[in-house]
Amino acid sequence: MKRLTISDLKTGDRAEFSKTISEHDVYAFAGITGDFNPLHVDAEYAAQTRFGARISHGALLAGLISTVVGMKLPGPGALYASQSLKFLRPVYIGDTITAFAEVAEVLPERNRVKFRTGCRNQKGEAVAEGESVLLPSKEP
């Protein structure tokens, strides 16, 4: 895994990470966070909602974005300063989600990079979009 510094990054650089959301992922996330909202873990309850079935936690999508910025762009050693995320569509168990981060602005004087971030499902539909600000590693 390559660590990218501020001087390695330019507007338009992009990275992605894809994962199919499994039932195990949803239950593991619920166990780690304590968020056992029945929309996520109770099939009978979720079937009666406007979604018609269980959906993934929105914060799980934020974690996929964290994988992109923490492992790929800018990669290991990068530190989150902020992340905003708007959820646009539900993510169901079995959906394949591609999280992405694209450099929107490089701020070398503050060692910060603004990223346009988001997630798309297997149909190419946006399910989340937002912005992240990171401090890249100072060492390659």
C-alpha atoms as a PDB file:
ATOM      1  CA  MET A   1       0.000   0.000   0.000  1.00  0.00           C
ATOM      2  CA  LYS A   2       1.472   3.274  -1.102  1.00  0.00           C
ATOM      3  CA  ARG A   3       1.222   6.360   1.083  1.00  0.00           C
ATOM      4  CA  LEU A   4       0.528   9.468  -0.943  1.00  0.00           C
ATOM      5  CA  THR A   5       1.640  12.843   0.359  1.00  0.00           C
ATOM      6  CA  ILE A   6       0.145  16.221  -0.488  1.00  0.00           C
ATOM      7  CA  SER A   7       2.639  16.656  -3.346  1.00  0.00           C
ATOM      8  CA  ASP A   8       1.482  13.361  -4.939  1.00  0.00           C
ATOM      9  CA  LEU A   9      -2.172  14.414  -5.201  1.00  0.00           C
ATOM     10  CA  LYS A  10      -3.925  16.429  -7.905  1.00  0.00           C
ATOM     11  CA  THR A  11      -7.488  17.401  -8.719  1.00  0.00           C
ATOM     12  CA  GLY A  12      -9.302  14.567 -10.448  1.00  0.00           C
ATOM     13  CA  ASP A  13      -7.315  11.708  -8.874  1.00  0.00           C
ATOM     14  CA  ARG A  14      -9.798   8.957  -8.037  1.00  0.00           C
ATOM     15  CA  ALA A  15      -9.970   5.592  -6.286  1.00  0.00           C
ATOM     16  CA  GLU A  16     -12.728   3.054  -5.642  1.00  0.00           C
ATOM     17  CA  PHE A  17     -13.559   0.072  -3.445  1.00  0.00           C
ATOM     18  CA  SER A  18     -16.411  -2.388  -4.115  1.00  0.00           C
ATOM     19  CA  LYS A  19     -18.149  -4.767  -1.723  1.00  0.00           C
ATOM     20  CA  THR A  20     -21.320  -6.813  -1.772  1.00  0.00           C
ATOM     21  CA  ILE A  21     -23.235  -6.121   1.435  1.00  0.00           C
ATOM     22  CA  SER A  22     -23.996  -9.384   3.205  1.00  0.00           C
ATOM     23  CA  GLU A  23     -26.298 -10.259   6.055  1.00  0.00           C
ATOM     24  CA  HIS A  24     -23.164 -10.918   8.118  1.00  0.00           C
ATOM     25  CA  ASP A  25     -21.905  -7.372   7.388  1.00  0.00           C
ATOM     26  CA  VAL A  26     -25.153  -5.845   8.668  1.00  0.00           C
ATOM     27  CA  TYR A  27     -25.220  -7.984  11.834  1.00  0.00           C
ATOM     28  CA  ALA A  28     -21.510  -7.422  12.500  1.00  0.00           C
ATOM     29  CA  PHE A  29     -21.963  -3.659  12.135  1.00  0.00           C
ATOM     30  CA  ALA A  30     -24.977  -3.775  14.476  1.00  0.00           C
ATOM     31  CA  GLY A  31     -22.920  -5.718  17.019  1.00  0.00           C
ATOM     32  CA  ILE A  32     -19.949  -3.363  16.818  1.00  0.00           C
ATOM     33  CA  THR A  33     -22.002  -0.166  17.058  1.00  0.00           C
ATOM     34  CA  GLY A  34     -24.983  -1.318  19.112  1.00  0.00           C
ATOM     35  CA  ASP A  35     -27.381  -0.087  16.381  1.00  0.00           C
ATOM     36  CA  PHE A  36     -29.967  -2.863  16.268  1.00  0.00           C
ATOM     37  CA  ASN A  37     -32.625  -0.749  14.564  1.00  0.00           C
ATOM     38  CA  PRO A  38     -35.203  -3.261  13.266  1.00  0.00           C
ATOM     39  CA  LEU A  39     -34.892  -1.726   9.778  1.00  0.00           C
ATOM     40  CA  HIS A  40     -31.512  -3.447   9.661  1.00  0.00           C
ATOM     41  CA  VAL A  41     -31.936  -6.660  11.664  1.00  0.00           C
ATOM     42  CA  ASP A  42     -35.626  -7.665  11.730  1.00  0.00           C
ATOM     43  CA  ALA A  43     -36.914  -8.984   8.397  1.00  0.00           C
ATOM     44  CA  GLU A  44     -40.579  -9.051   9.476  1.00  0.00           C
ATOM     45  CA  TYR A  45     -40.467  -5.486  10.712  1.00  0.00           C
ATOM     46  CA  ALA A  46     -38.545  -4.211   7.672  1.00  0.00           C
ATOM     47  CA  ALA A  47     -40.994  -5.937   5.289  1.00  0.00           C
ATOM     48  CA  GLN A  48     -43.750  -3.670   6.643  1.00  0.00           C
ATOM     49  CA  THR A  49     -41.811  -0.455   5.985  1.00  0.00           C
ATOM     50  CA  ARG A  50     -41.578   1.629   2.824  1.00  0.00           C
ATOM     51  CA  PHE A  51     -38.352  -0.240   2.006  1.00  0.00           C
ATOM     52  CA  GLY A  52     -40.030  -3.671   1.953  1.00  0.00           C
ATOM     53  CA  ALA A  53     -36.936  -5.436   3.280  1.00  0.00           C
ATOM     54  CA  ARG A  54     -33.968  -4.935   5.591  1.00  0.00           C
ATOM     55  CA  ILE A  55     -31.517  -2.203   4.616  1.00  0.00           C
ATOM     56  CA  SER A  56     -27.899  -1.543   5.471  1.00  0.00           C
ATOM     57  CA  HIS A  57     -26.869   1.022   8.050  1.00  0.00           C
ATOM     58  CA  GLY A  58     -25.957   4.317   6.384  1.00  0.00           C
ATOM     59  CA  ALA A  59     -22.836   4.530   8.509  1.00  0.00           C
ATOM     60  CA  LEU A  60     -21.661   1.253   6.956  1.00  0.00           C
ATOM     61  CA  LEU A  61     -21.421   3.146   3.659  1.00  0.00           C
ATOM     62  CA  ALA A  62     -19.303   5.781   5.378  1.00  0.00           C
ATOM     63  CA  GLY A  63     -17.014   2.938   6.398  1.00  0.00           C
ATOM     64  CA  LEU A  64     -16.592   1.889   2.773  1.00  0.00           C
ATOM     65  CA  ILE A  65     -15.535   5.435   1.918  1.00  0.00           C
ATOM     66  CA  SER A  66     -13.100   5.270   4.823  1.00  0.00           C
ATOM     67  CA  THR A  67     -11.593   2.187   3.174  1.00  0.00           C
ATOM     68  CA  VAL A  68     -11.013   4.128  -0.047  1.00  0.00           C
ATOM     69  CA  VAL A  69      -9.299   7.095   1.594  1.00  0.00           C
ATOM     70  CA  GLY A  70      -7.482   5.090   4.256  1.00  0.00           C
ATOM     71  CA  MET A  71      -6.171   2.333   2.020  1.00  0.00           C
ATOM     72  CA  LYS A  72      -5.989   3.772  -1.503  1.00  0.00           C
ATOM     73  CA  LEU A  73      -6.209   7.561  -1.873  1.00  0.00           C
ATOM     74  CA  PRO A  74      -4.347   9.116  -0.108  1.00  0.00           C
ATOM     75  CA  GLY A  75      -3.837   5.792   1.694  1.00  0.00           C
ATOM     76  CA  PRO A  76      -2.170   4.630   4.908  1.00  0.00           C
ATOM     77  CA  GLY A  77      -1.226   7.355   7.338  1.00  0.00           C
ATOM     78  CA  ALA A  78      -3.989   9.717   6.187  1.00  0.00           C
ATOM     79  CA  LEU A  79      -6.107  11.280   8.915  1.00  0.00           C
ATOM     80  CA  TYR A  80      -9.777  12.265   8.606  1.00  0.00           C
ATOM     81  CA  ALA A  81     -10.570  15.902   9.377  1.00  0.00           C
ATOM     82  CA  SER A  82     -14.239  15.686   8.349  1.00  0.00           C
ATOM     83  CA  GLN A  83     -16.827  13.783   6.357  1.00  0.00           C
ATOM     84  CA  SER A  84     -20.319  14.758   5.288  1.00  0.00           C
ATOM     85  CA  LEU A  85     -22.665  12.297   3.659  1.00  0.00           C
ATOM     86  CA  LYS A  86     -26.167  12.478   2.244  1.00  0.00           C
ATOM     87  CA  PHE A  87     -28.044   9.198   1.843  1.00  0.00           C
ATOM     88  CA  LEU A  88     -29.997   9.075  -1.419  1.00  0.00           C
ATOM     89  CA  ARG A  89     -31.302   5.504  -1.772  1.00  0.00           C
ATOM     90  CA  PRO A  90     -31.556   2.450   0.457  1.00  0.00           C
ATOM     91  CA  VAL A  91     -28.898  -0.241   0.268  1.00  0.00           C
ATOM     92  CA  TYR A  92     -30.270  -3.759   0.545  1.00  0.00           C
ATOM     93  CA  ILE A  93     -28.530  -6.931   1.623  1.00  0.00           C
ATOM     94  CA  GLY A  94     -27.017  -8.368  -1.550  1.00  0.00           C
ATOM     95  CA  ASP A  95     -26.372  -4.988  -3.189  1.00  0.00           C
ATOM     96  CA  THR A  96     -22.855  -4.451  -4.491  1.00  0.00           C
ATOM     97  CA  ILE A  97     -21.663  -1.018  -3.470  1.00  0.00           C
ATOM     98  CA  THR A  98     -18.769   0.868  -5.020  1.00  0.00           C
ATOM     99  CA  ALA A  99     -17.426   3.619  -2.792  1.00  0.00           C
ATOM    100  CA  PHE A 100     -15.280   6.299  -4.377  1.00  0.00           C
ATOM    101  CA  ALA A 101     -13.177   9.314  -3.501  1.00  0.00           C
ATOM    102  CA  GLU A 102     -12.102  11.932  -6.025  1.00  0.00           C
ATOM    103  CA  VAL A 103      -9.723  14.785  -5.259  1.00  0.00           C
ATOM    104  CA  ALA A 104     -11.708  18.032  -5.509  1.00  0.00           C
ATOM    105  CA  GLU A 105      -9.132  20.434  -4.075  1.00  0.00           C
ATOM    106  CA  VAL A 106      -5.568  20.254  -2.786  1.00  0.00           C
ATOM    107  CA  LEU A 107      -4.686  22.687   0.020  1.00  0.00           C
ATOM    108  CA  PRO A 108      -0.913  22.280   0.439  1.00  0.00           C
ATOM    109  CA  GLU A 109      -0.488  25.170   2.902  1.00  0.00           C
ATOM    110  CA  ARG A 110      -2.650  23.263   5.421  1.00  0.00           C
ATOM    111  CA  ASN A 111      -1.723  19.722   4.289  1.00  0.00           C
ATOM    112  CA  ARG A 112      -5.391  19.070   3.536  1.00  0.00           C
ATOM    113  CA  VAL A 113      -7.205  17.517   0.607  1.00  0.00           C
ATOM    114  CA  LYS A 114     -10.930  17.854  -0.117  1.00  0.00           C
ATOM    115  CA  PHE A 115     -12.527  14.829  -1.743  1.00  0.00           C
ATOM    116  CA  ARG A 116     -15.861  14.378  -3.466  1.00  0.00           C
ATOM    117  CA  THR A 117     -17.034  11.072  -2.038  1.00  0.00           C
ATOM    118  CA  GLY A 118     -19.937   8.728  -2.517  1.00  0.00           C
ATOM    119  CA  CYS A 119     -21.291   5.280  -3.173  1.00  0.00           C
ATOM    120  CA  ARG A 120     -23.086   3.698  -6.126  1.00  0.00           C
ATOM    121  CA  ASN A 121     -24.985   0.428  -6.292  1.00  0.00           C
ATOM    122  CA  GLN A 122     -24.651  -2.318  -8.890  1.00  0.00           C
ATOM    123  CA  LYS A 123     -27.126  -0.453 -11.132  1.00  0.00           C
ATOM    124  CA  GLY A 124     -24.866   2.612 -11.141  1.00  0.00           C
ATOM    125  CA  GLU A 125     -27.335   4.578  -8.999  1.00  0.00           C
ATOM    126  CA  ALA A 126     -25.956   7.008  -6.435  1.00  0.00           C
ATOM    127  CA  VAL A 127     -26.881   5.791  -2.944  1.00  0.00           C
ATOM    128  CA  ALA A 128     -24.770   8.314  -1.013  1.00  0.00           C
ATOM    129  CA  GLU A 129     -22.750  11.422  -1.789  1.00  0.00           C
ATOM    130  CA  GLY A 130     -20.703  13.848   0.214  1.00  0.00           C
ATOM    131  CA  GLU A 131     -17.363  15.409   0.934  1.00  0.00           C
ATOM    132  CA  SER A 132     -14.361  14.327   2.984  1.00  0.00           C
ATOM    133  CA  VAL A 133     -11.348  16.350   4.110  1.00  0.00           C
ATOM    134  CA  LEU A 134      -8.166  14.476   4.943  1.00  0.00           C
ATOM    135  CA  LEU A 135      -4.635  15.200   6.038  1.00  0.00           C
ATOM    136  CA  PRO A 136      -2.364  12.967   3.946  1.00  0.00           C
ATOM    137  CA  SER A 137       0.688  11.342   5.488  1.00  0.00           C
ATOM    138  CA  LYS A 138       3.702  13.632   5.578  1.00  0.00           C
ATOM    139  CA  GLU A 139       5.979  10.688   4.727  1.00  0.00           C
ATOM    140  CA  PRO A 140       5.843   8.516   1.581  1.00  0.00           C
END
